[in-house]
C-alpha atoms as a PDB file:
ATOM      1  CA  MET A   1     -34.580   7.244 -19.246  1.00  0.00           C
ATOM      2  CA  VAL A   2     -37.605   8.938 -20.635  1.00  0.00           C
ATOM      3  CA  PRO A   3     -38.661  11.899 -18.456  1.00  0.00           C
ATOM      4  CA  GLY A   4     -42.405  12.160 -18.009  1.00  0.00           C
ATOM      5  CA  ALA A   5     -43.086   8.569 -19.118  1.00  0.00           C
ATOM      6  CA  ASP A   6     -45.653   6.566 -17.188  1.00  0.00           C
ATOM      7  CA  PRO A   7     -44.488   3.991 -16.212  1.00  0.00           C
ATOM      8  CA  LYS A   8     -40.946   5.312 -16.110  1.00  0.00           C
ATOM      9  CA  LEU A   9     -38.748   3.700 -18.730  1.00  0.00           C
ATOM     10  CA  TYR A  10     -35.025   3.435 -18.183  1.00  0.00           C
ATOM     11  CA  ASP A  11     -32.601   3.242 -21.092  1.00  0.00           C
ATOM     12  CA  GLU A  12     -28.833   3.309 -21.007  1.00  0.00           C
ATOM     13  CA  VAL A  13     -27.424   6.774 -21.664  1.00  0.00           C
ATOM     14  CA  GLU A  14     -23.983   6.348 -23.199  1.00  0.00           C
ATOM     15  CA  ASP A  15     -23.090  10.015 -23.699  1.00  0.00           C
ATOM     16  CA  GLN A  16     -22.423  12.177 -20.625  1.00  0.00           C
ATOM     17  CA  ALA A  17     -23.553  15.260 -22.529  1.00  0.00           C
ATOM     18  CA  LYS A  18     -27.030  13.685 -22.785  1.00  0.00           C
ATOM     19  CA  LEU A  19     -26.984  12.389 -19.198  1.00  0.00           C
ATOM     20  CA  VAL A  20     -26.755  15.810 -17.529  1.00  0.00           C
ATOM     21  CA  PRO A  21     -29.961  17.284 -19.082  1.00  0.00           C
ATOM     22  CA  THR A  22     -31.805  14.001 -18.486  1.00  0.00           C
ATOM     23  CA  ILE A  23     -30.954  13.953 -14.765  1.00  0.00           C
ATOM     24  CA  GLU A  24     -31.785  17.663 -14.454  1.00  0.00           C
ATOM     25  CA  GLU A  25     -35.166  17.054 -16.095  1.00  0.00           C
ATOM     26  CA  TYR A  26     -35.922  14.260 -13.616  1.00  0.00           C
ATOM     27  CA  LEU A  27     -35.000  16.616 -10.773  1.00  0.00           C
ATOM     28  CA  ALA A  28     -37.302  19.295 -12.215  1.00  0.00           C
ATOM     29  CA  ASP A  29     -40.142  16.738 -12.451  1.00  0.00           C
ATOM     30  CA  TYR A  30     -39.557  15.724  -8.831  1.00  0.00           C
ATOM     31  CA  ASN A  31     -39.496  19.352  -7.671  1.00  0.00           C
ATOM     32  CA  ALA A  32     -42.719  20.112  -9.568  1.00  0.00           C
ATOM     33  CA  GLU A  33     -44.569  17.252  -7.836  1.00  0.00           C
ATOM     34  CA  SER A  34     -42.987  17.437  -4.377  1.00  0.00           C
ATOM     35  CA  LYS A  35     -44.269  19.421  -1.418  1.00  0.00           C
ATOM     36  CA  SER A  36     -40.664  20.101  -0.438  1.00  0.00           C
ATOM     37  CA  PRO A  37     -38.584  20.679  -3.601  1.00  0.00           C
ATOM     38  CA  MET A  38     -34.834  20.133  -3.438  1.00  0.00           C
ATOM     39  CA  PRO A  39     -32.660  22.879  -4.956  1.00  0.00           C
ATOM     40  CA  LEU A  40     -29.754  20.569  -5.823  1.00  0.00           C
ATOM     41  CA  VAL A  41     -26.692  21.516  -7.826  1.00  0.00           C
ATOM     42  CA  LEU A  42     -25.881  18.434  -9.872  1.00  0.00           C
ATOM     43  CA  PHE A  43     -22.167  18.413 -10.584  1.00  0.00           C
ATOM     44  CA  MET A  44     -20.649  15.444 -12.424  1.00  0.00           C
ATOM     45  CA  ASP A  45     -19.659  13.516  -9.259  1.00  0.00           C
ATOM     46  CA  ALA A  46     -23.245  13.719  -7.985  1.00  0.00           C
ATOM     47  CA  ILE A  47     -24.635  12.583 -11.356  1.00  0.00           C
ATOM     48  CA  GLU A  48     -22.253   9.601 -11.396  1.00  0.00           C
ATOM     49  CA  HIS A  49     -23.357   8.737  -7.843  1.00  0.00           C
ATOM     50  CA  VAL A  50     -27.048   8.857  -8.809  1.00  0.00           C
ATOM     51  CA  SER A  51     -26.296   6.638 -11.816  1.00  0.00           C
ATOM     52  CA  ARG A  52     -24.566   4.041  -9.623  1.00  0.00           C
ATOM     53  CA  VAL A  53     -27.370   4.010  -7.044  1.00  0.00           C
ATOM     54  CA  SER A  54     -29.952   3.690  -9.816  1.00  0.00           C
ATOM     55  CA  ARG A  55     -28.088   0.744 -11.340  1.00  0.00           C
ATOM     56  CA  VAL A  56     -27.898  -1.034  -7.960  1.00  0.00           C
ATOM     57  CA  ILE A  57     -31.572  -0.489  -7.147  1.00  0.00           C
ATOM     58  CA  ARG A  58     -32.678  -1.836 -10.555  1.00  0.00           C
ATOM     59  CA  GLN A  59     -31.093  -5.214  -9.761  1.00  0.00           C
ATOM     60  CA  PRO A  60     -33.345  -7.933  -8.302  1.00  0.00           C
ATOM     61  CA  GLN A  61     -33.323  -7.448  -4.519  1.00  0.00           C
ATOM     62  CA  GLY A  62     -30.903  -4.555  -5.101  1.00  0.00           C
ATOM     63  CA  ASN A  63     -29.872  -2.539  -2.076  1.00  0.00           C
ATOM     64  CA  ALA A  64     -26.850  -0.529  -0.996  1.00  0.00           C
ATOM     65  CA  LEU A  65     -25.321   0.918   2.125  1.00  0.00           C
ATOM     66  CA  LEU A  66     -24.325   4.538   1.542  1.00  0.00           C
ATOM     67  CA  LEU A  67     -21.523   5.839   3.735  1.00  0.00           C
ATOM     68  CA  GLY A  68     -20.294   9.374   4.136  1.00  0.00           C
ATOM     69  CA  VAL A  69     -19.934  12.251   6.550  1.00  0.00           C
ATOM     70  CA  GLY A  70     -22.933  14.358   7.508  1.00  0.00           C
ATOM     71  CA  GLY A  71     -23.881  16.902   4.875  1.00  0.00           C
ATOM     72  CA  SER A  72     -22.457  14.903   1.980  1.00  0.00           C
ATOM     73  CA  GLY A  73     -25.858  14.439   0.292  1.00  0.00           C
ATOM     74  CA  ARG A  74     -26.502  10.740   0.933  1.00  0.00           C
ATOM     75  CA  GLN A  75     -30.176  11.315   1.694  1.00  0.00           C
ATOM     76  CA  SER A  76     -30.783  13.973  -0.968  1.00  0.00           C
ATOM     77  CA  LEU A  77     -29.371  11.941  -3.828  1.00  0.00           C
ATOM     78  CA  THR A  78     -31.262   8.723  -3.113  1.00  0.00           C
END
């Protein structure tokens, strides 16, 4: 992933230490452009969830059904 690239380029990030700042930079970019910024705290479980959803969506005709109780962040993280 290359933050700020146009079009967005996605590369595999193999080191979790590099993944956290990359995801946080994407969130900062989103918050800078959005009319309603999201003050999310990205702990490792949330980052792994975002990575899985991203991998599914990149697939041809990729879609997923996200299940969870209310307030678990399904809408915020997708």
